[in-house]
Amino acid sequence: MEPIRIKLLRDGAHIPTYGSTQAAGADLYASIDERIVIAPGDSVWIPTGVAIELPEQYVGLIYA
């Protein structure tokens, strides 16, 4: 298995973590300086402060 390379881009950013050994994916963390309010029905980009390089045979998906 090839390693997944992760670079922290901001102070206070967190490396994604797995919630359990059976987890299908890792949890991302918001890297924000102020509170963000999301109105019902709206979508908002939330910065994570990380850059992730996936090997060619991998896929990255983000779900709520």
PDB file of N, CA and C in Angstrom:
ATOM      1  N   MET A   1       0.843  -1.181   0.000  1.00  0.00           N
ATOM      2  CA  MET A   1       0.000   0.000   0.000  1.00  0.00           C
ATOM      3  C   MET A   1       0.888   1.244   0.000  1.00  0.00           C
ATOM      4  N   GLU A   2       0.600   2.139  -0.903  1.00  0.00           N
ATOM      5  CA  GLU A   2       1.355   3.394  -0.971  1.00  0.00           C
ATOM      6  C   GLU A   2       0.899   4.346   0.131  1.00  0.00           C
ATOM      7  N   PRO A   3       1.806   5.172   0.633  1.00  0.00           N
ATOM      8  CA  PRO A   3       1.402   6.125   1.669  1.00  0.00           C
ATOM      9  C   PRO A   3       0.564   7.258   1.081  1.00  0.00           C
ATOM     10  N   ILE A   4      -0.315   7.802   1.907  1.00  0.00           N
ATOM     11  CA  ILE A   4      -1.083   8.993   1.560  1.00  0.00           C
ATOM     12  C   ILE A   4      -0.346  10.171   2.174  1.00  0.00           C
ATOM     13  N   ARG A   5       0.103  11.087   1.344  1.00  0.00           N
ATOM     14  CA  ARG A   5       0.875  12.225   1.835  1.00  0.00           C
ATOM     15  C   ARG A   5      -0.057  13.363   2.216  1.00  0.00           C
ATOM     16  N   ILE A   6       0.180  13.938   3.409  1.00  0.00           N
ATOM     17  CA  ILE A   6      -0.653  15.027   3.926  1.00  0.00           C
ATOM     18  C   ILE A   6       0.250  16.176   4.345  1.00  0.00           C
ATOM     19  N   LYS A   7      -0.116  17.379   3.919  1.00  0.00           N
ATOM     20  CA  LYS A   7       0.652  18.575   4.283  1.00  0.00           C
ATOM     21  C   LYS A   7      -0.279  19.541   5.011  1.00  0.00           C
ATOM     22  N   LEU A   8       0.128  19.987   6.186  1.00  0.00           N
ATOM     23  CA  LEU A   8      -0.644  20.989   6.925  1.00  0.00           C
ATOM     24  C   LEU A   8      -0.323  22.361   6.349  1.00  0.00           C
ATOM     25  N   LEU A   9      -1.345  23.106   5.975  1.00  0.00           N
ATOM     26  CA  LEU A   9      -1.173  24.399   5.317  1.00  0.00           C
ATOM     27  C   LEU A   9      -1.361  25.592   6.236  1.00  0.00           C
ATOM     28  N   ARG A  10      -1.953  25.366   7.408  1.00  0.00           N
ATOM     29  CA  ARG A  10      -2.247  26.454   8.338  1.00  0.00           C
ATOM     30  C   ARG A  10      -1.885  26.039   9.746  1.00  0.00           C
ATOM     31  N   ASP A  11      -1.537  27.017  10.575  1.00  0.00           N
ATOM     32  CA  ASP A  11      -1.366  26.751  12.001  1.00  0.00           C
ATOM     33  C   ASP A  11      -2.710  26.286  12.556  1.00  0.00           C
ATOM     34  N   GLY A  12      -2.686  25.285  13.390  1.00  0.00           N
ATOM     35  CA  GLY A  12      -3.918  24.790  13.998  1.00  0.00           C
ATOM     36  C   GLY A  12      -4.653  23.761  13.158  1.00  0.00           C
ATOM     37  N   ALA A  13      -4.183  23.481  11.941  1.00  0.00           N
ATOM     38  CA  ALA A  13      -4.817  22.456  11.112  1.00  0.00           C
ATOM     39  C   ALA A  13      -4.533  21.082  11.712  1.00  0.00           C
ATOM     40  N   HIS A  14      -5.450  20.132  11.472  1.00  0.00           N
ATOM     41  CA  HIS A  14      -5.324  18.788  12.025  1.00  0.00           C
ATOM     42  C   HIS A  14      -5.246  17.748  10.915  1.00  0.00           C
ATOM     43  N   ILE A  15      -4.416  16.755  11.104  1.00  0.00           N
ATOM     44  CA  ILE A  15      -4.355  15.627  10.179  1.00  0.00           C
ATOM     45  C   ILE A  15      -5.652  14.835  10.329  1.00  0.00           C
ATOM     46  N   PRO A  16      -6.277  14.411   9.216  1.00  0.00           N
ATOM     47  CA  PRO A  16      -7.496  13.609   9.317  1.00  0.00           C
ATOM     48  C   PRO A  16      -7.245  12.340  10.146  1.00  0.00           C
ATOM     49  N   THR A  17      -8.262  11.910  10.894  1.00  0.00           N
ATOM     50  CA  THR A  17      -8.134  10.728  11.744  1.00  0.00           C
ATOM     51  C   THR A  17      -9.276   9.759  11.484  1.00  0.00           C
ATOM     52  N   TYR A  18      -9.041   8.500  11.813  1.00  0.00           N
ATOM     53  CA  TYR A  18     -10.059   7.466  11.722  1.00  0.00           C
ATOM     54  C   TYR A  18     -10.718   7.312  13.083  1.00  0.00           C
ATOM     55  N   GLY A  19     -12.056   7.298  13.124  1.00  0.00           N
ATOM     56  CA  GLY A  19     -12.783   7.205  14.378  1.00  0.00           C
ATOM     57  C   GLY A  19     -12.709   5.834  15.021  1.00  0.00           C
ATOM     58  N   SER A  20     -12.437   4.799  14.216  1.00  0.00           N
ATOM     59  CA  SER A  20     -12.309   3.442  14.740  1.00  0.00           C
ATOM     60  C   SER A  20     -11.491   2.619  13.751  1.00  0.00           C
ATOM     61  N   THR A  21     -11.114   1.426  14.163  1.00  0.00           N
ATOM     62  CA  THR A  21     -10.332   0.560  13.261  1.00  0.00           C
ATOM     63  C   THR A  21     -11.186   0.047  12.103  1.00  0.00           C
ATOM     64  N   GLN A  22     -12.508   0.070  12.243  1.00  0.00           N
ATOM     65  CA  GLN A  22     -13.401  -0.379  11.179  1.00  0.00           C
ATOM     66  C   GLN A  22     -13.889   0.765  10.284  1.00  0.00           C
ATOM     67  N   ALA A  23     -13.452   1.985  10.528  1.00  0.00           N
ATOM     68  CA  ALA A  23     -13.929   3.149   9.769  1.00  0.00           C
ATOM     69  C   ALA A  23     -13.558   3.015   8.291  1.00  0.00           C
ATOM     70  N   ALA A  24     -14.504   3.363   7.425  1.00  0.00           N
ATOM     71  CA  ALA A  24     -14.272   3.312   5.985  1.00  0.00           C
ATOM     72  C   ALA A  24     -13.472   4.513   5.495  1.00  0.00           C
ATOM     73  N   GLY A  25     -13.494   5.605   6.249  1.00  0.00           N
ATOM     74  CA  GLY A  25     -12.793   6.815   5.839  1.00  0.00           C
ATOM     75  C   GLY A  25     -12.365   7.614   7.046  1.00  0.00           C
ATOM     76  N   ALA A  26     -11.578   8.630   6.785  1.00  0.00           N
ATOM     77  CA  ALA A  26     -11.048   9.478   7.856  1.00  0.00           C
ATOM     78  C   ALA A  26     -11.930  10.714   8.038  1.00  0.00           C
ATOM     79  N   ASP A  27     -11.902  11.266   9.233  1.00  0.00           N
ATOM     80  CA  ASP A  27     -12.652  12.479   9.552  1.00  0.00           C
ATOM     81  C   ASP A  27     -11.797  13.711   9.285  1.00  0.00           C
ATOM     82  N   LEU A  28     -12.377  14.691   8.583  1.00  0.00           N
ATOM     83  CA  LEU A  28     -11.713  15.971   8.348  1.00  0.00           C
ATOM     84  C   LEU A  28     -12.116  16.956   9.437  1.00  0.00           C
ATOM     85  N   TYR A  29     -11.281  17.963   9.662  1.00  0.00           N
ATOM     86  CA  TYR A  29     -11.545  18.980  10.675  1.00  0.00           C
ATOM     87  C   TYR A  29     -11.521  20.357  10.030  1.00  0.00           C
ATOM     88  N   ALA A  30     -12.427  21.216  10.443  1.00  0.00           N
ATOM     89  CA  ALA A  30     -12.451  22.593   9.956  1.00  0.00           C
ATOM     90  C   ALA A  30     -11.243  23.342  10.508  1.00  0.00           C
ATOM     91  N   SER A  31     -10.687  24.199   9.685  1.00  0.00           N
ATOM     92  CA  SER A  31      -9.577  25.053  10.114  1.00  0.00           C
ATOM     93  C   SER A  31     -10.017  26.492   9.884  1.00  0.00           C
ATOM     94  N   ILE A  32     -10.749  27.016  10.860  1.00  0.00           N
ATOM     95  CA  ILE A  32     -11.344  28.346  10.712  1.00  0.00           C
ATOM     96  C   ILE A  32     -10.983  29.217  11.905  1.00  0.00           C
ATOM     97  N   ASP A  33     -11.002  30.522  11.691  1.00  0.00           N
ATOM     98  CA  ASP A  33     -10.668  31.485  12.739  1.00  0.00           C
ATOM     99  C   ASP A  33     -11.903  32.112  13.376  1.00  0.00           C
ATOM    100  N   GLU A  34     -13.047  31.982  12.707  1.00  0.00           N
ATOM    101  CA  GLU A  34     -14.264  32.586  13.240  1.00  0.00           C
ATOM    102  C   GLU A  34     -15.442  31.656  12.998  1.00  0.00           C
ATOM    103  N   ARG A  35     -16.492  31.876  13.726  1.00  0.00           N
ATOM    104  CA  ARG A  35     -17.692  31.055  13.618  1.00  0.00           C
ATOM    105  C   ARG A  35     -18.338  31.251  12.241  1.00  0.00           C
ATOM    106  N   ILE A  36     -18.811  30.159  11.659  1.00  0.00           N
ATOM    107  CA  ILE A  36     -19.520  30.209  10.379  1.00  0.00           C
ATOM    108  C   ILE A  36     -20.940  29.728  10.610  1.00  0.00           C
ATOM    109  N   VAL A  37     -21.918  30.518  10.182  1.00  0.00           N
ATOM    110  CA  VAL A  37     -23.319  30.143  10.304  1.00  0.00           C
ATOM    111  C   VAL A  37     -23.803  29.716   8.922  1.00  0.00           C
ATOM    112  N   ILE A  38     -24.382  28.525   8.852  1.00  0.00           N
ATOM    113  CA  ILE A  38     -24.890  27.993   7.585  1.00  0.00           C
ATOM    114  C   ILE A  38     -26.412  27.973   7.667  1.00  0.00           C
ATOM    115  N   ALA A  39     -27.049  28.749   6.813  1.00  0.00           N
ATOM    116  CA  ALA A  39     -28.510  28.822   6.794  1.00  0.00           C
ATOM    117  C   ALA A  39     -29.083  27.539   6.198  1.00  0.00           C
ATOM    118  N   PRO A  40     -30.294  27.158   6.590  1.00  0.00           N
ATOM    119  CA  PRO A  40     -30.932  25.970   6.022  1.00  0.00           C
ATOM    120  C   PRO A  40     -30.960  26.030   4.500  1.00  0.00           C
ATOM    121  N   GLY A  41     -30.569  24.939   3.867  1.00  0.00           N
ATOM    122  CA  GLY A  41     -30.567  24.860   2.410  1.00  0.00           C
ATOM    123  C   GLY A  41     -29.323  25.407   1.748  1.00  0.00           C
ATOM    124  N   ASP A  42     -28.456  26.091   2.496  1.00  0.00           N
ATOM    125  CA  ASP A  42     -27.233  26.662   1.931  1.00  0.00           C
ATOM    126  C   ASP A  42     -26.092  25.654   1.961  1.00  0.00           C
ATOM    127  N   SER A  43     -25.126  25.877   1.098  1.00  0.00           N
ATOM    128  CA  SER A  43     -23.865  25.140   1.098  1.00  0.00           C
ATOM    129  C   SER A  43     -22.751  26.145   1.308  1.00  0.00           C
ATOM    130  N   VAL A  44     -21.737  25.757   2.065  1.00  0.00           N
ATOM    131  CA  VAL A  44     -20.630  26.660   2.369  1.00  0.00           C
ATOM    132  C   VAL A  44     -19.328  25.878   2.275  1.00  0.00           C
ATOM    133  N   TRP A  45     -18.321  26.481   1.658  1.00  0.00           N
ATOM    134  CA  TRP A  45     -16.984  25.877   1.647  1.00  0.00           C
ATOM    135  C   TRP A  45     -16.343  26.100   3.014  1.00  0.00           C
ATOM    136  N   ILE A  46     -15.841  25.045   3.622  1.00  0.00           N
ATOM    137  CA  ILE A  46     -15.181  25.127   4.917  1.00  0.00           C
ATOM    138  C   ILE A  46     -13.732  24.687   4.720  1.00  0.00           C
ATOM    139  N   PRO A  47     -12.755  25.541   4.980  1.00  0.00           N
ATOM    140  CA  PRO A  47     -11.357  25.148   4.790  1.00  0.00           C
ATOM    141  C   PRO A  47     -10.913  24.121   5.829  1.00  0.00           C
ATOM    142  N   THR A  48     -10.094  23.170   5.381  1.00  0.00           N
ATOM    143  CA  THR A  48      -9.551  22.161   6.292  1.00  0.00           C
ATOM    144  C   THR A  48      -8.111  22.470   6.689  1.00  0.00           C
ATOM    145  N   GLY A  49      -7.426  23.272   5.887  1.00  0.00           N
ATOM    146  CA  GLY A  49      -6.033  23.593   6.188  1.00  0.00           C
ATOM    147  C   GLY A  49      -5.071  22.463   5.875  1.00  0.00           C
ATOM    148  N   VAL A  50      -5.512  21.476   5.081  1.00  0.00           N
ATOM    149  CA  VAL A  50      -4.628  20.373   4.698  1.00  0.00           C
ATOM    150  C   VAL A  50      -4.643  20.181   3.191  1.00  0.00           C
ATOM    151  N   ALA A  51      -3.545  19.687   2.665  1.00  0.00           N
ATOM    152  CA  ALA A  51      -3.451  19.245   1.276  1.00  0.00           C
ATOM    153  C   ALA A  51      -3.158  17.748   1.332  1.00  0.00           C
ATOM    154  N   ILE A  52      -3.883  16.975   0.537  1.00  0.00           N
ATOM    155  CA  ILE A  52      -3.739  15.528   0.555  1.00  0.00           C
ATOM    156  C   ILE A  52      -3.378  15.053  -0.842  1.00  0.00           C
ATOM    157  N   GLU A  53      -2.297  14.262  -0.933  1.00  0.00           N
ATOM    158  CA  GLU A  53      -1.884  13.666  -2.205  1.00  0.00           C
ATOM    159  C   GLU A  53      -2.219  12.180  -2.147  1.00  0.00           C
ATOM    160  N   LEU A  54      -3.176  11.777  -2.987  1.00  0.00           N
ATOM    161  CA  LEU A  54      -3.586  10.378  -3.015  1.00  0.00           C
ATOM    162  C   LEU A  54      -2.843   9.629  -4.112  1.00  0.00           C
ATOM    163  N   PRO A  55      -2.438   8.380  -3.861  1.00  0.00           N
ATOM    164  CA  PRO A  55      -1.859   7.569  -4.929  1.00  0.00           C
ATOM    165  C   PRO A  55      -2.868   7.392  -6.063  1.00  0.00           C
ATOM    166  N   GLU A  56      -2.396   7.098  -7.248  1.00  0.00           N
ATOM    167  CA  GLU A  56      -3.226   7.062  -8.452  1.00  0.00           C
ATOM    168  C   GLU A  56      -4.450   6.149  -8.330  1.00  0.00           C
ATOM    169  N   GLN A  57      -4.358   5.037  -7.645  1.00  0.00           N
ATOM    170  CA  GLN A  57      -5.469   4.092  -7.575  1.00  0.00           C
ATOM    171  C   GLN A  57      -6.475   4.412  -6.467  1.00  0.00           C
ATOM    172  N   TYR A  58      -6.295   5.506  -5.749  1.00  0.00           N
ATOM    173  CA  TYR A  58      -7.183   5.901  -4.660  1.00  0.00           C
ATOM    174  C   TYR A  58      -8.182   6.949  -5.141  1.00  0.00           C
ATOM    175  N   VAL A  59      -9.237   7.143  -4.361  1.00  0.00           N
ATOM    176  CA  VAL A  59     -10.220   8.192  -4.647  1.00  0.00           C
ATOM    177  C   VAL A  59     -10.510   8.926  -3.344  1.00  0.00           C
ATOM    178  N   GLY A  60     -10.743  10.224  -3.425  1.00  0.00           N
ATOM    179  CA  GLY A  60     -11.096  11.008  -2.248  1.00  0.00           C
ATOM    180  C   GLY A  60     -12.525  11.521  -2.378  1.00  0.00           C
ATOM    181  N   LEU A  61     -13.366  11.208  -1.400  1.00  0.00           N
ATOM    182  CA  LEU A  61     -14.755  11.653  -1.381  1.00  0.00           C
ATOM    183  C   LEU A  61     -15.009  12.374  -0.067  1.00  0.00           C
ATOM    184  N   ILE A  62     -15.816  13.417  -0.111  1.00  0.00           N
ATOM    185  CA  ILE A  62     -16.147  14.153   1.108  1.00  0.00           C
ATOM    186  C   ILE A  62     -17.665  14.127   1.273  1.00  0.00           C
ATOM    187  N   TYR A  63     -18.094  13.618   2.414  1.00  0.00           N
ATOM    188  CA  TYR A  63     -19.522  13.526   2.751  1.00  0.00           C
ATOM    189  C   TYR A  63     -19.765  14.170   4.098  1.00  0.00           C
ATOM    190  N   ALA A  64     -20.975  14.677   4.283  1.00  0.00           N
ATOM    191  CA  ALA A  64     -21.362  15.253   5.571  1.00  0.00           C
ATOM    192  C   ALA A  64     -21.532  14.143   6.596  1.00  0.00           C
TER     193      ALA A  64
END
